[in-house]
Amino acid sequence: MSEKDKASEESFKVGGKDVVNKIKELIEEGNARRIIIKNEKGETVMEFPVTAGVVGIVLAPILAAVGVLAAVLSSATIVVEKK
């Protein structure tokens, strides 16, 4: 795998109510490949790929699920795999 093809990861700790806004922000940036949401114990609770065509109607169900998840999490770690 060439240097250009390697993915990097970045993590963000956010409060439960800020999860949806941070996910929207990361998707709008456009360089995320995969987003992983982990609970306070570091366990993966949700993981989804982000493709270039993810907009509007396709994004709505994902954000709805993230919103429900955020309601039960007091804090979360968002791991973003970037291109």
N, C-alpha and C. Protein backbone atom coordinates (compact mmCIF):
# COMPACT_ATOMS: atom_id res chain seq x y z
N MET A 1 0.84 -1.17 0.00
CA MET A 1 0.00 0.00 0.00
C MET A 1 0.89 1.24 0.00
N SER A 2 0.62 2.18 -0.87
CA SER A 2 1.44 3.38 -0.96
C SER A 2 1.08 4.35 0.15
N GLU A 3 1.94 5.32 0.38
CA GLU A 3 1.70 6.35 1.39
C GLU A 3 0.39 7.07 1.13
N LYS A 4 0.07 7.28 -0.14
CA LYS A 4 -1.13 8.01 -0.52
C LYS A 4 -2.41 7.26 -0.16
N ASP A 5 -2.36 5.93 -0.16
CA ASP A 5 -3.54 5.11 0.09
C ASP A 5 -3.77 4.82 1.57
N LYS A 6 -2.83 5.12 2.42
CA LYS A 6 -2.96 4.81 3.83
C LYS A 6 -4.00 5.72 4.49
N ALA A 7 -4.74 5.13 5.41
CA ALA A 7 -5.74 5.89 6.15
C ALA A 7 -5.16 6.32 7.49
N SER A 8 -5.63 7.44 8.00
CA SER A 8 -5.24 7.88 9.32
C SER A 8 -6.49 7.95 10.19
N GLU A 9 -6.28 7.91 11.49
CA GLU A 9 -7.40 7.98 12.41
C GLU A 9 -7.27 9.19 13.32
N GLU A 10 -8.40 9.75 13.67
CA GLU A 10 -8.46 10.88 14.57
C GLU A 10 -9.60 10.62 15.53
N SER A 11 -9.43 10.93 16.81
CA SER A 11 -10.46 10.69 17.82
C SER A 11 -10.92 12.00 18.44
N PHE A 12 -12.21 12.04 18.79
CA PHE A 12 -12.80 13.19 19.45
C PHE A 12 -13.65 12.71 20.61
N LYS A 13 -13.48 13.29 21.79
CA LYS A 13 -14.35 12.99 22.93
C LYS A 13 -15.41 14.08 22.97
N VAL A 14 -16.68 13.65 22.99
CA VAL A 14 -17.79 14.61 23.01
C VAL A 14 -18.83 14.15 24.00
N GLY A 15 -19.63 15.11 24.48
CA GLY A 15 -20.76 14.79 25.33
C GLY A 15 -21.86 14.18 24.48
N GLY A 16 -22.74 13.41 25.11
CA GLY A 16 -23.80 12.72 24.39
C GLY A 16 -24.62 13.62 23.48
N LYS A 17 -24.95 14.83 23.96
CA LYS A 17 -25.79 15.72 23.16
C LYS A 17 -25.05 16.35 21.97
N ASP A 18 -23.73 16.28 21.96
CA ASP A 18 -22.94 16.88 20.88
C ASP A 18 -22.56 15.89 19.78
N VAL A 19 -22.91 14.62 19.96
CA VAL A 19 -22.50 13.59 19.00
C VAL A 19 -23.02 13.87 17.60
N VAL A 20 -24.32 14.16 17.47
CA VAL A 20 -24.92 14.36 16.15
C VAL A 20 -24.27 15.55 15.44
N ASN A 21 -24.07 16.65 16.15
CA ASN A 21 -23.45 17.82 15.53
C ASN A 21 -22.03 17.54 15.05
N LYS A 22 -21.27 16.79 15.85
CA LYS A 22 -19.89 16.46 15.46
C LYS A 22 -19.89 15.54 14.24
N ILE A 23 -20.82 14.58 14.19
CA ILE A 23 -20.91 13.68 13.04
C ILE A 23 -21.22 14.48 11.77
N LYS A 24 -22.19 15.39 11.86
CA LYS A 24 -22.53 16.24 10.71
C LYS A 24 -21.32 17.03 10.25
N GLU A 25 -20.60 17.60 11.20
CA GLU A 25 -19.41 18.40 10.89
C GLU A 25 -18.36 17.55 10.17
N LEU A 26 -18.13 16.34 10.65
CA LEU A 26 -17.13 15.46 10.05
C LEU A 26 -17.52 15.04 8.64
N ILE A 27 -18.80 14.79 8.43
CA ILE A 27 -19.26 14.40 7.09
C ILE A 27 -19.14 15.57 6.12
N GLU A 28 -19.46 16.77 6.59
CA GLU A 28 -19.35 17.96 5.74
C GLU A 28 -17.91 18.25 5.32
N GLU A 29 -16.94 17.90 6.18
CA GLU A 29 -15.54 18.09 5.84
C GLU A 29 -15.16 17.29 4.60
N GLY A 30 -15.79 16.13 4.42
CA GLY A 30 -15.62 15.38 3.20
C GLY A 30 -14.43 14.45 3.11
N ASN A 31 -13.60 14.34 4.14
CA ASN A 31 -12.44 13.47 4.03
C ASN A 31 -12.54 12.25 4.94
N ALA A 32 -13.71 12.01 5.53
CA ALA A 32 -13.90 10.84 6.39
C ALA A 32 -14.27 9.63 5.55
N ARG A 33 -13.71 8.49 5.87
CA ARG A 33 -14.01 7.23 5.19
C ARG A 33 -14.96 6.37 6.02
N ARG A 34 -14.72 6.35 7.31
CA ARG A 34 -15.50 5.53 8.23
C ARG A 34 -15.58 6.28 9.56
N ILE A 35 -16.74 6.21 10.20
CA ILE A 35 -16.93 6.83 11.51
C ILE A 35 -17.33 5.75 12.50
N ILE A 36 -16.66 5.74 13.64
CA ILE A 36 -16.92 4.76 14.69
C ILE A 36 -17.27 5.52 15.96
N ILE A 37 -18.36 5.12 16.61
CA ILE A 37 -18.77 5.75 17.86
C ILE A 37 -18.56 4.72 18.97
N LYS A 38 -17.83 5.13 20.00
CA LYS A 38 -17.54 4.25 21.13
C LYS A 38 -18.14 4.83 22.40
N ASN A 39 -18.55 3.95 23.32
CA ASN A 39 -19.10 4.41 24.59
C ASN A 39 -17.97 4.74 25.57
N GLU A 40 -18.37 5.04 26.82
CA GLU A 40 -17.40 5.44 27.84
C GLU A 40 -16.38 4.35 28.14
N LYS A 41 -16.76 3.09 27.93
CA LYS A 41 -15.87 1.96 28.20
C LYS A 41 -14.95 1.64 27.02
N GLY A 42 -15.10 2.37 25.92
CA GLY A 42 -14.28 2.13 24.75
C GLY A 42 -14.83 1.06 23.82
N GLU A 43 -16.06 0.61 24.08
CA GLU A 43 -16.69 -0.41 23.23
C GLU A 43 -17.35 0.26 22.04
N THR A 44 -17.20 -0.32 20.87
CA THR A 44 -17.83 0.21 19.67
C THR A 44 -19.34 -0.02 19.75
N VAL A 45 -20.11 1.06 19.63
CA VAL A 45 -21.57 0.94 19.66
C VAL A 45 -22.20 1.21 18.30
N MET A 46 -21.46 1.87 17.41
CA MET A 46 -21.95 2.12 16.07
C MET A 46 -20.76 2.38 15.16
N GLU A 47 -20.87 1.89 13.95
CA GLU A 47 -19.81 2.08 12.97
C GLU A 47 -20.47 2.13 11.60
N PHE A 48 -20.10 3.13 10.80
CA PHE A 48 -20.66 3.20 9.46
C PHE A 48 -19.67 3.83 8.50
N PRO A 49 -19.71 3.37 7.25
CA PRO A 49 -18.84 3.95 6.23
C PRO A 49 -19.43 5.27 5.74
N VAL A 50 -18.55 6.15 5.32
CA VAL A 50 -18.99 7.43 4.75
C VAL A 50 -18.47 7.46 3.33
N THR A 51 -19.37 7.49 2.37
CA THR A 51 -18.97 7.54 0.97
C THR A 51 -19.23 8.94 0.43
N ALA A 52 -18.65 9.22 -0.70
CA ALA A 52 -18.80 10.55 -1.31
C ALA A 52 -20.25 10.88 -1.60
N GLY A 53 -21.07 9.89 -1.85
CA GLY A 53 -22.48 10.14 -2.19
C GLY A 53 -23.42 10.22 -1.01
N VAL A 54 -22.90 10.17 0.22
CA VAL A 54 -23.77 10.22 1.39
C VAL A 54 -24.23 11.64 1.62
N VAL A 55 -25.48 11.91 1.25
CA VAL A 55 -26.08 13.22 1.46
C VAL A 55 -27.57 13.07 1.66
N GLY A 56 -28.18 14.08 2.21
CA GLY A 56 -29.62 14.18 2.31
C GLY A 56 -30.35 12.95 2.77
N ILE A 57 -31.11 12.36 1.87
CA ILE A 57 -31.99 11.26 2.20
C ILE A 57 -31.25 10.02 2.69
N VAL A 58 -30.03 9.80 2.24
CA VAL A 58 -29.24 8.66 2.69
C VAL A 58 -28.68 8.92 4.08
N LEU A 59 -28.35 10.15 4.36
CA LEU A 59 -27.76 10.53 5.64
C LEU A 59 -28.79 10.59 6.76
N ALA A 60 -30.04 10.87 6.44
CA ALA A 60 -31.08 11.05 7.45
C ALA A 60 -31.24 9.84 8.39
N PRO A 61 -31.35 8.61 7.88
CA PRO A 61 -31.49 7.48 8.80
C PRO A 61 -30.27 7.27 9.71
N ILE A 62 -29.09 7.54 9.18
CA ILE A 62 -27.87 7.39 9.98
C ILE A 62 -27.89 8.41 11.12
N LEU A 63 -28.22 9.66 10.81
CA LEU A 63 -28.26 10.69 11.85
C LEU A 63 -29.36 10.44 12.86
N ALA A 64 -30.49 9.86 12.42
CA ALA A 64 -31.57 9.52 13.34
C ALA A 64 -31.09 8.45 14.33
N ALA A 65 -30.39 7.44 13.82
CA ALA A 65 -29.86 6.39 14.69
C ALA A 65 -28.80 6.95 15.65
N VAL A 66 -27.96 7.83 15.16
CA VAL A 66 -26.95 8.46 16.01
C VAL A 66 -27.63 9.30 17.09
N GLY A 67 -28.72 9.97 16.74
CA GLY A 67 -29.46 10.78 17.71
C GLY A 67 -30.03 9.94 18.84
N VAL A 68 -30.59 8.78 18.50
CA VAL A 68 -31.12 7.88 19.52
C VAL A 68 -30.00 7.37 20.40
N LEU A 69 -28.90 7.02 19.79
CA LEU A 69 -27.74 6.53 20.53
C LEU A 69 -27.21 7.62 21.47
N ALA A 70 -27.14 8.84 20.98
CA ALA A 70 -26.63 9.96 21.77
C ALA A 70 -27.49 10.21 23.01
N ALA A 71 -28.77 9.91 22.90
CA ALA A 71 -29.68 10.13 24.03
C ALA A 71 -29.34 9.23 25.22
N VAL A 72 -28.75 8.07 24.96
CA VAL A 72 -28.42 7.15 26.06
C VAL A 72 -26.95 7.22 26.49
N LEU A 73 -26.12 7.92 25.74
CA LEU A 73 -24.71 8.06 26.09
C LEU A 73 -24.48 9.36 26.84
N SER A 74 -23.74 9.29 27.94
CA SER A 74 -23.39 10.53 28.62
C SER A 74 -22.17 11.17 27.96
N SER A 75 -21.30 10.34 27.42
CA SER A 75 -20.18 10.84 26.64
C SER A 75 -19.79 9.75 25.64
N ALA A 76 -19.12 10.16 24.59
CA ALA A 76 -18.73 9.21 23.56
C ALA A 76 -17.40 9.62 22.96
N THR A 77 -16.77 8.66 22.33
CA THR A 77 -15.56 8.93 21.57
C THR A 77 -15.89 8.64 20.11
N ILE A 78 -15.62 9.59 19.25
CA ILE A 78 -15.85 9.42 17.83
C ILE A 78 -14.49 9.21 17.18
N VAL A 79 -14.33 8.09 16.52
CA VAL A 79 -13.08 7.79 15.82
C VAL A 79 -13.37 7.95 14.33
N VAL A 80 -12.57 8.75 13.67
CA VAL A 80 -12.76 9.01 12.24
C VAL A 80 -11.58 8.45 11.48
N GLU A 81 -11.86 7.56 10.55
CA GLU A 81 -10.83 7.04 9.65
C GLU A 81 -10.86 7.94 8.43
N LYS A 82 -9.74 8.60 8.17
CA LYS A 82 -9.67 9.55 7.06
C LYS A 82 -8.88 8.98 5.91
N LYS A 83 -9.12 9.55 4.73
CA LYS A 83 -8.42 9.14 3.52
C LYS A 83 -6.97 9.52 3.60
